Amino acid sequence: MIRTFAAIGVVLLAAAAAAADEVRLADGRVLEGKILSETATEVRLRLRFGGEMTVARSQVKSIEKKDLPEEEIEKRRAALDPKDAEGRWALALDAKARGVRKAWEELVEEVLRLDPDHAAANESKGRVRHAGRWMTPAEREKALKDEQAAEKEAQGLVEHEGRWVTPEERDALRKGLVLHEGRWMSEREAREAKGEVPYKDGWVRKDELEALLLRDALAEAAGVPLNAASSERFVVLTVFGKSDAEQYLKDAERTYEEFARLFGVKQGERLFDDPFNRRERRCHIVVLEKDVQYQKFLDGLLRHHGDLKKVLRPERVELMRKQKGFFLIDPDCWIVGYVFPYPKAQIRHTVVHKLSHVLVLRAKPFKGIAWPNWWLVEGLGEMQEITALGSCQVFCITTGYGESTGDVKAIGESWKAEVKKIASSGGDRRLAEIAVLGLNDLEPWDLVKSWSVVHYLVNLDPEKFAALVRRLKDRVPASDAVKEIYGATLDEIDGRWRDFVRKTY
């Protein structure tokens, strides 16, 4: 029978490495601790890790008396020379290894009393060495700060809000002044000196103010907040996220760069300036989501932009209301569209395609204001889509964009594959016929061919293609312009294009 005398956690050990009295029981268990008393009927012991037990003598198989680790450490400690720091350190490590925490802590303190510079003992206490002394990390941080302060003060500096500055700087900062180009001034003066102006609760660059004013005016008109992204050439306003606005801006810049490379637009040349009022302008790209937003936006644009009334006839405004978007080049350059009922991804294509049209009309090397030819305008827009985005999803027929006439099957995803079919079957309309068609007279298959012909002419000679566009803008008939620049008839160009498709696509 076993009786416990305290709130006991009974410690049962297999064979313990640490020294202590061991009471082995008949059932194989081993109790480790200190035997307090023995009688013919029972054995009483204090368990090493707390509590006392009384074990019936009949259950005890054997008893082996040993010193507890605490007792052994204490005997070895008493035998040490009073000045033996290293002996105490070795004993301290043994005490730590055997779990005698109190002896470990006391021995470390004894080592440090005998040898305050003992590295291992100091490190065991978490101390660090600085300036020849052992100290806590916090004490070292304070010492470093004090040393820095003394060094800065020797340089004539004073501390102000966590920074070391000259007394003059401190006085200026206390007055709320800021340093701009070597001169202390108020924040307002500094902002204005940087070309910034106050707007709402902050400051913006002057060249951004116009875009922000427009954004907020049109957002109010559309009834939805708009995100903006802008560059030297473009302002993008959209109901979608800031990342979308920045993506549309990147697409526009890439389209501009490709157009500039093709047509030799000079660096710094401004294509979007207002030609009537001789004002610097940027091309505005507006991307909305729903028709109701689009209609409200159009109302707001007409209210906000009085110059539009100079060039917009009522029937043109009515057409804009029916369309799923529009582009306008005078007096400012605008590209406006909304998503419904088409996928949001198509908007990127719309931006590229419509921007190509605006660029053709506004590029200064081109004389006059006439369209070159609708087949060429659409073909170039489609080519810029494919160059920028890898595919074409927009073609401007009927009253809107991005929609088919409904009486023809959809154009396939691979325009090159469709063109190969056309070139092989010979069922396409002759280029001479396509060249005189209006926008809404072009069938989807005409547009596929138009893209491929533009692709062919650009690959053949980019400079000649640019010259062709210029001549067509001068209202020269396509048959005469092609003969003048390529020395061939439209039918001959048609045949050469067909050979190009068979060999290249």
Protein backbone atom coordinates (compact mmCIF):
# COMPACT_ATOMS: atom_id res chain seq x y z
CA MET A 1 0.00 0.00 0.00
CA ILE A 2 1.28 3.52 -0.90
CA ARG A 3 0.16 6.60 1.08
CA THR A 4 1.02 10.20 -0.05
CA PHE A 5 1.62 13.03 2.42
CA ALA A 6 1.52 16.02 0.03
CA ALA A 7 -0.17 17.07 -3.19
CA ILE A 8 1.99 14.69 -5.12
CA GLY A 9 3.18 14.40 -8.65
CA VAL A 10 4.66 10.91 -8.35
CA VAL A 11 7.98 10.77 -10.18
CA LEU A 12 8.64 7.40 -11.70
CA LEU A 13 12.01 7.08 -13.33
CA ALA A 14 13.69 4.33 -15.29
CA ALA A 15 17.39 4.49 -14.35
CA ALA A 16 18.26 8.13 -13.60
CA ALA A 17 21.68 9.50 -14.46
CA ALA A 18 21.49 12.04 -11.63
CA ALA A 19 22.52 10.77 -8.20
CA ALA A 20 19.78 10.32 -5.53
CA ASP A 21 18.40 7.55 -3.24
CA GLU A 22 16.59 4.97 -5.34
CA VAL A 23 13.75 2.77 -4.10
CA ARG A 24 13.03 -0.05 -6.52
CA LEU A 25 9.58 -1.57 -6.21
CA ALA A 26 8.53 -5.13 -6.83
CA ASP A 27 6.47 -4.06 -9.86
CA GLY A 28 9.57 -2.58 -11.56
CA ARG A 29 9.02 1.09 -10.81
CA VAL A 30 11.83 3.25 -9.45
CA LEU A 31 11.28 6.12 -7.01
CA GLU A 32 14.04 8.74 -6.79
CA GLY A 33 14.49 11.13 -3.92
CA LYS A 34 15.76 11.27 -0.33
CA ILE A 35 14.88 8.58 2.21
CA LEU A 36 13.59 10.28 5.35
CA SER A 37 12.97 7.16 7.51
CA GLU A 38 12.78 3.37 7.38
CA THR A 39 10.90 0.89 9.62
CA ALA A 40 10.10 -2.78 9.41
CA THR A 41 6.76 -1.95 7.80
CA GLU A 42 7.35 1.12 5.60
CA VAL A 43 9.83 3.42 3.88
CA ARG A 44 9.23 7.20 3.83
CA LEU A 45 11.00 9.43 1.27
CA ARG A 46 10.90 12.92 -0.17
CA LEU A 47 10.63 12.76 -3.97
CA ARG A 48 13.32 14.61 -5.84
CA PHE A 49 10.90 16.83 -7.79
CA GLY A 50 8.49 17.54 -4.92
CA GLY A 51 6.20 15.78 -2.49
CA GLU A 52 6.67 12.94 -0.01
CA MET A 53 5.66 9.28 -0.19
CA THR A 54 5.33 6.34 2.15
CA VAL A 55 5.80 2.91 0.60
CA ALA A 56 4.90 -0.38 2.29
CA ARG A 57 8.06 -2.39 3.01
CA SER A 58 6.42 -5.43 1.36
CA GLN A 59 6.41 -3.57 -1.97
CA VAL A 60 10.11 -2.59 -1.79
CA LYS A 61 12.48 -4.79 -3.74
CA SER A 62 15.71 -2.90 -2.96
CA ILE A 63 17.04 0.44 -1.69
CA GLU A 64 20.19 2.20 -2.91
CA LYS A 65 21.22 5.31 -1.00
CA LYS A 66 23.04 8.05 -2.88
CA ASP A 67 23.56 11.76 -2.56
CA LEU A 68 21.06 14.00 -4.35
CA PRO A 69 22.62 16.15 -7.15
CA GLU A 70 22.08 19.17 -4.91
CA GLU A 71 23.99 17.48 -2.08
CA GLU A 72 26.80 16.30 -4.32
CA ILE A 73 27.22 19.79 -5.89
CA GLU A 74 27.24 21.35 -2.42
CA LYS A 75 29.98 18.96 -1.17
CA ARG A 76 32.17 19.73 -4.22
CA ARG A 77 31.51 23.45 -3.81
CA ALA A 78 32.62 23.35 -0.15
CA ALA A 79 35.85 21.62 -1.19
CA LEU A 80 36.85 24.36 -3.66
CA ASP A 81 39.55 26.93 -2.88
CA PRO A 82 37.75 30.19 -1.94
CA LYS A 83 39.57 32.01 -4.79
CA ASP A 84 39.12 29.33 -7.50
CA ALA A 85 36.93 31.10 -10.10
CA GLU A 86 37.50 28.56 -12.89
CA GLY A 87 36.75 25.64 -10.56
CA ARG A 88 33.46 27.27 -9.65
CA TRP A 89 32.69 27.89 -13.34
CA ALA A 90 33.26 24.22 -14.17
CA LEU A 91 31.05 23.20 -11.23
CA ALA A 92 28.41 25.73 -12.32
CA LEU A 93 28.26 24.14 -15.78
CA ASP A 94 27.84 20.70 -14.18
CA ALA A 95 25.05 22.03 -11.96
CA LYS A 96 23.30 23.47 -15.00
CA ALA A 97 23.64 20.20 -16.91
CA ARG A 98 22.14 18.25 -13.97
CA GLY A 99 19.26 20.67 -13.52
CA VAL A 100 20.39 22.13 -10.18
CA ARG A 101 19.27 25.65 -11.04
CA LYS A 102 19.80 27.30 -7.67
CA ALA A 103 23.40 26.07 -7.42
CA TRP A 104 24.02 27.14 -11.03
CA GLU A 105 22.86 30.69 -10.38
CA GLU A 106 24.77 30.99 -7.07
CA LEU A 107 27.99 29.62 -8.58
CA VAL A 108 27.80 32.08 -11.53
CA GLU A 109 27.49 34.97 -9.06
CA GLU A 110 30.48 33.64 -7.10
CA VAL A 111 32.55 33.42 -10.31
CA LEU A 112 31.72 37.06 -11.16
CA ARG A 113 32.60 38.23 -7.64
CA LEU A 114 35.98 36.56 -7.97
CA ASP A 115 36.50 37.54 -11.66
CA PRO A 116 34.17 40.39 -12.82
CA ASP A 117 35.67 40.15 -16.34
CA HIS A 118 34.93 36.43 -16.76
CA ALA A 119 33.60 36.34 -20.38
CA ALA A 120 31.61 33.09 -20.27
CA ALA A 121 29.94 33.95 -16.95
CA ASN A 122 28.99 37.42 -18.18
CA GLU A 123 27.62 36.04 -21.46
CA SER A 124 25.56 33.49 -19.51
CA LYS A 125 23.86 36.47 -17.84
CA GLY A 126 23.08 38.00 -21.24
CA ARG A 127 25.61 40.77 -20.89
CA VAL A 128 27.62 42.35 -23.72
CA ARG A 129 31.02 44.02 -23.71
CA HIS A 130 31.27 47.69 -24.63
CA ALA A 131 34.07 50.19 -24.05
CA GLY A 132 35.99 47.66 -21.93
CA ARG A 133 33.05 46.90 -19.63
CA TRP A 134 30.37 44.21 -19.36
CA MET A 135 26.79 45.52 -19.32
CA THR A 136 23.25 44.70 -20.27
CA PRO A 137 22.13 45.37 -23.88
CA ALA A 138 19.95 48.22 -22.60
CA GLU A 139 22.96 49.76 -20.83
CA ARG A 140 24.99 49.47 -24.02
CA GLU A 141 22.24 51.19 -26.04
CA LYS A 142 22.19 54.03 -23.52
CA ALA A 143 25.97 54.28 -23.61
CA LEU A 144 25.96 54.44 -27.42
CA LYS A 145 23.28 57.13 -27.37
CA ASP A 146 25.23 59.13 -24.78
CA GLU A 147 28.40 58.84 -26.87
CA GLN A 148 26.56 59.96 -30.01
CA ALA A 149 25.03 62.88 -28.12
CA ALA A 150 28.44 63.95 -26.85
CA GLU A 151 29.88 63.73 -30.37
CA LYS A 152 27.00 65.73 -31.92
CA GLU A 153 27.12 68.34 -29.18
CA ALA A 154 30.86 68.71 -29.78
CA GLN A 155 29.95 69.51 -33.40
CA GLY A 156 27.58 72.22 -32.22
CA LEU A 157 24.41 70.27 -33.01
CA VAL A 158 21.25 69.95 -30.94
CA GLU A 159 18.61 67.24 -30.87
CA HIS A 160 15.17 68.04 -32.26
CA GLU A 161 12.41 65.42 -32.60
CA GLY A 162 14.88 62.55 -32.94
CA ARG A 163 17.21 64.38 -35.37
CA TRP A 164 20.47 66.23 -34.82
CA VAL A 165 20.35 69.67 -36.37
CA THR A 166 22.01 73.04 -36.00
CA PRO A 167 20.45 75.48 -33.53
CA GLU A 168 19.33 77.57 -36.50
CA GLU A 169 17.61 74.56 -38.08
CA ARG A 170 15.92 73.73 -34.78
CA ASP A 171 14.56 77.26 -34.47
CA ALA A 172 13.29 77.13 -38.08
CA LEU A 173 11.67 73.74 -37.57
CA ARG A 174 9.99 74.92 -34.38
CA LYS A 175 8.43 77.69 -36.48
CA GLY A 176 7.10 75.08 -38.92
CA LEU A 177 9.46 76.08 -41.75
CA VAL A 178 10.88 73.70 -44.36
CA LEU A 179 14.14 73.82 -46.29
CA HIS A 180 13.82 74.22 -50.07
CA GLU A 181 16.79 74.84 -52.35
CA GLY A 182 18.90 76.10 -49.46
CA ARG A 183 16.31 78.51 -48.08
CA TRP A 184 13.94 78.19 -45.12
CA MET A 185 10.33 78.99 -45.92
CA SER A 186 6.79 78.07 -45.00
CA GLU A 187 5.39 74.79 -46.29
CA ARG A 188 3.05 76.72 -48.58
CA GLU A 189 5.96 78.68 -50.08
CA ALA A 190 7.93 75.47 -50.56
CA ARG A 191 5.00 73.71 -52.22
CA GLU A 192 4.45 76.63 -54.55
CA ALA A 193 8.17 76.78 -55.33
CA LYS A 194 7.93 73.11 -56.38
CA GLY A 195 5.12 73.94 -58.77
CA GLU A 196 2.35 72.55 -56.56
CA VAL A 197 -1.07 74.03 -55.89
CA PRO A 198 -3.58 73.34 -53.12
CA TYR A 199 -6.41 71.00 -54.03
CA LYS A 200 -8.98 69.71 -51.58
CA ASP A 201 -7.07 68.52 -48.49
CA GLY A 202 -3.63 68.31 -50.07
CA TRP A 203 -1.25 69.60 -52.70
CA VAL A 204 -0.86 68.48 -56.32
CA ARG A 205 1.44 69.40 -59.18
CA LYS A 206 0.09 72.10 -61.47
CA ASP A 207 0.25 69.75 -64.45
CA GLU A 208 -1.96 67.27 -62.54
CA LEU A 209 -4.56 69.81 -61.45
CA GLU A 210 -6.41 69.96 -64.75
CA ALA A 211 -6.77 66.18 -64.84
CA LEU A 212 -8.01 66.08 -61.23
CA LEU A 213 -10.51 68.88 -61.80
CA LEU A 214 -11.77 67.09 -64.88
CA ARG A 215 -11.86 63.77 -63.04
CA ASP A 216 -13.96 65.15 -60.20
CA ALA A 217 -16.28 67.13 -62.47
CA LEU A 218 -16.93 64.12 -64.69
CA ALA A 219 -17.15 61.72 -61.74
CA GLU A 220 -19.89 63.93 -60.32
CA ALA A 221 -21.60 63.95 -63.71
CA ALA A 222 -21.38 60.17 -64.10
CA GLY A 223 -22.52 59.62 -60.53
CA VAL A 224 -19.58 57.34 -59.71
CA PRO A 225 -16.05 57.96 -58.38
CA LEU A 226 -13.29 57.80 -60.98
CA ASN A 227 -9.68 56.74 -60.62
CA ALA A 228 -7.07 58.66 -62.59
CA ALA A 229 -3.66 57.95 -64.10
CA SER A 230 -1.78 60.47 -66.21
CA SER A 231 1.39 61.07 -68.17
CA GLU A 232 2.69 63.89 -70.32
CA ARG A 233 0.49 62.71 -73.19
CA PHE A 234 -2.55 61.04 -71.62
CA VAL A 235 -5.13 61.32 -68.87
CA VAL A 236 -7.01 58.09 -68.03
CA LEU A 237 -10.23 58.24 -66.00
CA THR A 238 -12.05 55.03 -65.08
CA VAL A 239 -14.64 53.58 -62.72
CA PHE A 240 -12.32 50.60 -62.31
CA GLY A 241 -9.36 50.40 -59.92
CA LYS A 242 -6.17 52.41 -59.88
CA SER A 243 -4.28 49.45 -61.32
CA ASP A 244 -6.73 49.36 -64.26
CA ALA A 245 -6.19 53.07 -64.90
CA GLU A 246 -2.44 52.53 -64.92
CA GLN A 247 -2.82 49.55 -67.30
CA TYR A 248 -4.88 51.59 -69.78
CA LEU A 249 -2.23 54.31 -69.55
CA LYS A 250 0.54 51.80 -70.33
CA ASP A 251 -1.43 50.47 -73.30
CA ALA A 252 -1.90 54.01 -74.61
CA GLU A 253 1.78 54.87 -74.22
CA ARG A 254 2.82 51.66 -75.98
CA THR A 255 0.41 52.36 -78.84
CA TYR A 256 1.74 55.91 -79.16
CA GLU A 257 5.36 54.72 -79.24
CA GLU A 258 4.60 52.16 -81.95
CA PHE A 259 2.74 54.77 -84.02
CA ALA A 260 5.57 57.29 -83.54
CA ARG A 261 8.12 54.71 -84.67
CA LEU A 262 6.09 53.86 -87.76
CA PHE A 263 5.34 57.43 -88.83
CA GLY A 264 8.47 59.20 -87.64
CA VAL A 265 6.83 61.36 -84.96
CA LYS A 266 9.60 63.41 -83.40
CA GLN A 267 10.52 63.28 -79.71
CA GLY A 268 8.62 65.96 -77.81
CA GLU A 269 6.14 66.60 -80.61
CA ARG A 270 2.69 67.28 -79.16
CA LEU A 271 -0.07 65.57 -81.13
CA PHE A 272 -3.03 66.33 -78.87
CA ASP A 273 -2.87 70.10 -78.45
CA ASP A 274 -6.04 72.08 -79.17
CA PRO A 275 -5.57 73.37 -82.77
CA PHE A 276 -8.31 76.01 -82.42
CA ASN A 277 -7.28 77.68 -79.17
CA ARG A 278 -3.57 76.82 -79.38
CA ARG A 279 -3.61 75.31 -75.90
CA GLU A 280 -1.59 72.38 -74.66
CA ARG A 281 -3.80 69.33 -74.26
CA ARG A 282 -3.52 65.67 -73.47
CA CYS A 283 -5.60 62.86 -74.89
CA HIS A 284 -8.38 61.91 -72.46
CA ILE A 285 -9.34 58.24 -72.14
CA VAL A 286 -12.51 57.50 -70.16
CA VAL A 287 -13.55 53.93 -69.27
CA LEU A 288 -16.96 53.41 -67.66
CA GLU A 289 -18.96 50.29 -66.84
CA LYS A 290 -22.65 50.83 -67.60
CA ASP A 291 -24.79 52.74 -70.09
CA VAL A 292 -26.37 54.88 -67.37
CA GLN A 293 -22.91 56.08 -66.35
CA TYR A 294 -22.06 56.74 -69.97
CA GLN A 295 -25.19 58.84 -70.58
CA LYS A 296 -24.66 60.88 -67.40
CA PHE A 297 -21.01 61.32 -68.30
CA LEU A 298 -21.91 62.63 -71.75
CA ASP A 299 -24.29 65.18 -70.19
CA GLY A 300 -21.57 66.29 -67.79
CA LEU A 301 -18.96 66.51 -70.53
CA LEU A 302 -21.14 68.79 -72.61
CA ARG A 303 -21.78 71.01 -69.59
CA HIS A 304 -18.15 71.06 -68.50
CA HIS A 305 -16.55 71.51 -71.92
CA GLY A 306 -18.06 74.49 -73.66
CA ASP A 307 -15.67 74.23 -76.63
CA LEU A 308 -17.35 70.99 -77.71
CA LYS A 309 -20.50 72.92 -78.59
CA LYS A 310 -18.50 74.63 -81.34
CA VAL A 311 -17.98 71.38 -83.23
CA LEU A 312 -20.84 69.09 -82.16
CA ARG A 313 -24.05 69.19 -84.16
CA PRO A 314 -27.19 67.83 -82.46
CA GLU A 315 -27.23 64.78 -84.72
CA ARG A 316 -23.63 64.00 -83.72
CA VAL A 317 -24.54 64.18 -80.04
CA GLU A 318 -27.52 61.90 -80.69
CA LEU A 319 -25.24 59.39 -82.41
CA MET A 320 -22.90 59.46 -79.40
CA ARG A 321 -25.84 58.63 -77.14
CA LYS A 322 -26.73 55.57 -79.25
CA GLN A 323 -23.16 54.30 -79.47
CA LYS A 324 -21.39 52.27 -76.84
CA GLY A 325 -18.70 54.91 -76.79
CA PHE A 326 -17.07 57.44 -79.05
CA PHE A 327 -13.83 59.08 -79.96
CA LEU A 328 -13.54 62.77 -80.68
CA ILE A 329 -10.53 64.68 -81.92
CA ASP A 330 -11.57 68.33 -82.02
CA PRO A 331 -11.06 70.51 -80.14
CA ASP A 332 -9.69 67.95 -77.66
CA CYS A 333 -8.85 64.30 -78.13
CA TRP A 334 -11.28 61.99 -76.31
CA ILE A 335 -11.75 58.24 -76.21
CA VAL A 336 -14.81 57.18 -74.21
CA GLY A 337 -16.38 53.77 -73.78
CA TYR A 338 -18.14 51.50 -71.34
CA VAL A 339 -17.97 47.77 -70.76
CA PHE A 340 -21.54 46.49 -70.92
CA PRO A 341 -22.42 44.20 -72.68
CA TYR A 342 -18.85 43.24 -73.61
CA PRO A 343 -16.09 41.76 -71.42
CA LYS A 344 -13.98 44.16 -69.42
CA ALA A 345 -10.84 42.81 -71.14
CA GLN A 346 -12.07 44.22 -74.45
CA ILE A 347 -11.73 47.76 -73.11
CA ARG A 348 -7.95 47.54 -73.46
CA HIS A 349 -8.43 46.71 -77.12
CA THR A 350 -10.83 49.62 -77.49
CA VAL A 351 -8.29 52.04 -76.02
CA VAL A 352 -5.59 50.89 -78.46
CA HIS A 353 -7.88 50.76 -81.52
CA LYS A 354 -9.53 54.14 -80.98
CA LEU A 355 -6.24 55.79 -80.08
CA SER A 356 -4.82 54.62 -83.41
CA HIS A 357 -7.65 56.51 -85.15
CA VAL A 358 -7.01 59.68 -83.15
CA LEU A 359 -3.28 59.51 -83.90
CA VAL A 360 -3.86 59.16 -87.64
CA LEU A 361 -5.99 62.29 -87.64
CA ARG A 362 -3.80 64.37 -85.33
CA ALA A 363 -0.24 63.51 -86.41
CA LYS A 364 1.22 66.77 -87.73
CA PRO A 365 3.02 65.37 -90.79
CA PHE A 366 -0.39 64.55 -92.25
CA LYS A 367 -1.97 67.46 -94.09
CA GLY A 368 -5.67 68.10 -94.01
CA ILE A 369 -8.32 66.64 -91.77
CA ALA A 370 -9.83 63.96 -94.02
CA TRP A 371 -9.76 60.26 -93.25
CA PRO A 372 -7.22 58.39 -95.41
CA ASN A 373 -9.61 55.50 -96.32
CA TRP A 374 -11.77 53.54 -93.91
CA TRP A 375 -10.16 50.21 -94.85
CA LEU A 376 -6.73 51.65 -94.00
CA VAL A 377 -7.85 53.38 -90.81
CA GLU A 378 -9.50 50.20 -89.52
CA GLY A 379 -6.66 47.98 -90.73
CA LEU A 380 -4.10 50.12 -88.91
CA GLY A 381 -6.19 50.13 -85.72
CA GLU A 382 -6.45 46.36 -85.84
CA MET A 383 -2.73 46.02 -86.50
CA GLN A 384 -1.93 48.20 -83.48
CA GLU A 385 -4.27 46.06 -81.36
CA ILE A 386 -2.47 42.89 -82.41
CA THR A 387 0.95 44.50 -81.90
CA ALA A 388 0.05 45.73 -78.41
CA LEU A 389 -2.18 42.92 -77.14
CA GLY A 390 -1.63 39.93 -79.41
CA SER A 391 -5.15 39.81 -80.85
CA CYS A 392 -7.90 41.98 -82.29
CA GLN A 393 -11.33 42.33 -80.69
CA VAL A 394 -12.60 45.67 -82.00
CA PHE A 395 -13.92 46.72 -85.40
CA CYS A 396 -15.92 49.87 -85.99
CA ILE A 397 -19.05 48.98 -87.93
CA THR A 398 -22.76 49.77 -87.43
CA THR A 399 -23.56 52.30 -84.70
CA GLY A 400 -21.04 51.14 -82.14
CA TYR A 401 -17.80 49.27 -81.78
CA GLY A 402 -16.92 45.75 -80.86
CA GLU A 403 -20.08 44.28 -82.38
CA SER A 404 -20.80 42.37 -85.58
CA THR A 405 -23.65 43.04 -88.00
CA GLY A 406 -25.37 39.89 -86.81
CA ASP A 407 -25.79 38.36 -90.27
CA VAL A 408 -22.32 36.84 -90.54
CA LYS A 409 -20.58 34.21 -88.48
CA ALA A 410 -18.06 35.44 -85.94
CA ILE A 411 -14.48 36.08 -86.94
CA GLY A 412 -12.16 33.42 -85.57
CA GLU A 413 -9.60 34.06 -82.85
CA SER A 414 -6.65 33.76 -85.26
CA TRP A 415 -6.87 36.46 -87.88
CA LYS A 416 -3.91 34.98 -89.74
CA ALA A 417 -5.81 31.69 -90.11
CA GLU A 418 -8.86 33.55 -91.40
CA VAL A 419 -6.76 35.50 -93.91
CA LYS A 420 -5.18 32.26 -95.17
CA LYS A 421 -8.66 30.90 -95.83
CA ILE A 422 -9.60 34.09 -97.69
CA ALA A 423 -6.41 34.14 -99.77
CA SER A 424 -6.73 30.44 -100.64
CA SER A 425 -10.41 30.47 -101.54
CA GLY A 426 -10.28 33.71 -103.52
CA GLY A 427 -13.70 34.64 -102.17
CA ASP A 428 -12.54 37.99 -100.80
CA ARG A 429 -13.60 41.36 -102.13
CA ARG A 430 -11.00 43.08 -104.37
CA LEU A 431 -8.90 45.76 -102.69
CA ALA A 432 -10.04 48.23 -105.36
CA GLU A 433 -13.63 47.68 -104.19
CA ILE A 434 -12.81 47.81 -100.48
CA ALA A 435 -10.84 51.06 -100.93
CA VAL A 436 -13.95 53.07 -101.82
CA LEU A 437 -16.29 51.67 -99.12
CA GLY A 438 -17.53 53.67 -96.15
CA LEU A 439 -17.19 52.48 -92.56
CA ASN A 440 -20.56 50.79 -92.31
CA ASP A 441 -20.20 49.23 -95.75
CA LEU A 442 -17.22 47.13 -94.64
CA GLU A 443 -18.06 43.54 -93.74
CA PRO A 444 -16.08 41.76 -91.00
CA TRP A 445 -14.21 39.76 -93.66
CA ASP A 446 -13.28 43.03 -95.39
CA LEU A 447 -11.81 44.21 -92.09
CA VAL A 448 -9.77 41.02 -91.71
CA LYS A 449 -8.35 41.55 -95.17
CA SER A 450 -7.79 45.27 -94.47
CA TRP A 451 -5.69 44.40 -91.43
CA SER A 452 -3.63 41.91 -93.43
CA VAL A 453 -3.06 44.35 -96.31
CA VAL A 454 -1.86 47.02 -93.85
CA HIS A 455 0.38 44.40 -92.23
CA TYR A 456 1.80 43.55 -95.65
CA LEU A 457 2.42 47.18 -96.65
CA VAL A 458 4.10 48.03 -93.34
CA ASN A 459 6.35 44.97 -93.60
CA LEU A 460 7.13 45.85 -97.22
CA ASP A 461 8.27 49.43 -96.51
CA PRO A 462 7.15 51.45 -93.45
CA GLU A 463 8.18 54.77 -95.01
CA LYS A 464 6.14 54.13 -98.14
CA PHE A 465 3.15 53.16 -96.00
CA ALA A 466 3.42 56.43 -94.06
CA ALA A 467 3.62 58.30 -97.35
CA LEU A 468 0.50 56.47 -98.57
CA VAL A 469 -1.42 57.60 -95.49
CA ARG A 470 -0.36 61.20 -96.10
CA ARG A 471 -1.48 61.12 -99.75
CA LEU A 472 -4.83 59.58 -98.85
CA LYS A 473 -5.35 62.29 -96.20
CA ASP A 474 -4.77 64.83 -98.96
CA ARG A 475 -7.91 63.32 -100.55
CA VAL A 476 -5.94 61.68 -103.35
CA PRO A 477 -7.89 58.59 -104.60
CA ALA A 478 -6.44 55.28 -103.41
CA SER A 479 -5.82 54.09 -106.96
CA ASP A 480 -3.71 57.18 -107.76
CA ALA A 481 -1.90 57.24 -104.39
CA VAL A 482 -0.90 53.56 -104.64
CA LYS A 483 0.26 54.00 -108.24
CA GLU A 484 2.32 57.06 -107.25
CA ILE A 485 4.04 55.46 -104.24
CA TYR A 486 4.27 51.76 -105.14
CA GLY A 487 4.25 51.99 -108.94
CA ALA A 488 1.45 49.42 -109.04
CA THR A 489 -2.31 49.27 -109.42
CA LEU A 490 -4.60 48.27 -106.55
CA ASP A 491 -5.16 44.90 -108.28
CA GLU A 492 -1.40 44.34 -108.52
CA ILE A 493 -1.02 45.18 -104.82
CA ASP A 494 -3.87 42.72 -104.20
CA GLY A 495 -1.93 39.97 -105.97
CA ARG A 496 1.32 40.73 -104.16
CA TRP A 497 -0.56 40.71 -100.83
CA ARG A 498 -1.94 37.25 -101.64
CA ASP A 499 1.58 35.92 -102.28
CA PHE A 500 2.73 37.50 -98.99
CA VAL A 501 -0.04 35.70 -97.08
CA ARG A 502 0.75 32.31 -98.64
CA LYS A 503 4.47 32.62 -97.89
CA THR A 504 4.30 34.33 -94.49
CA TYR A 505 1.14 33.20 -92.68
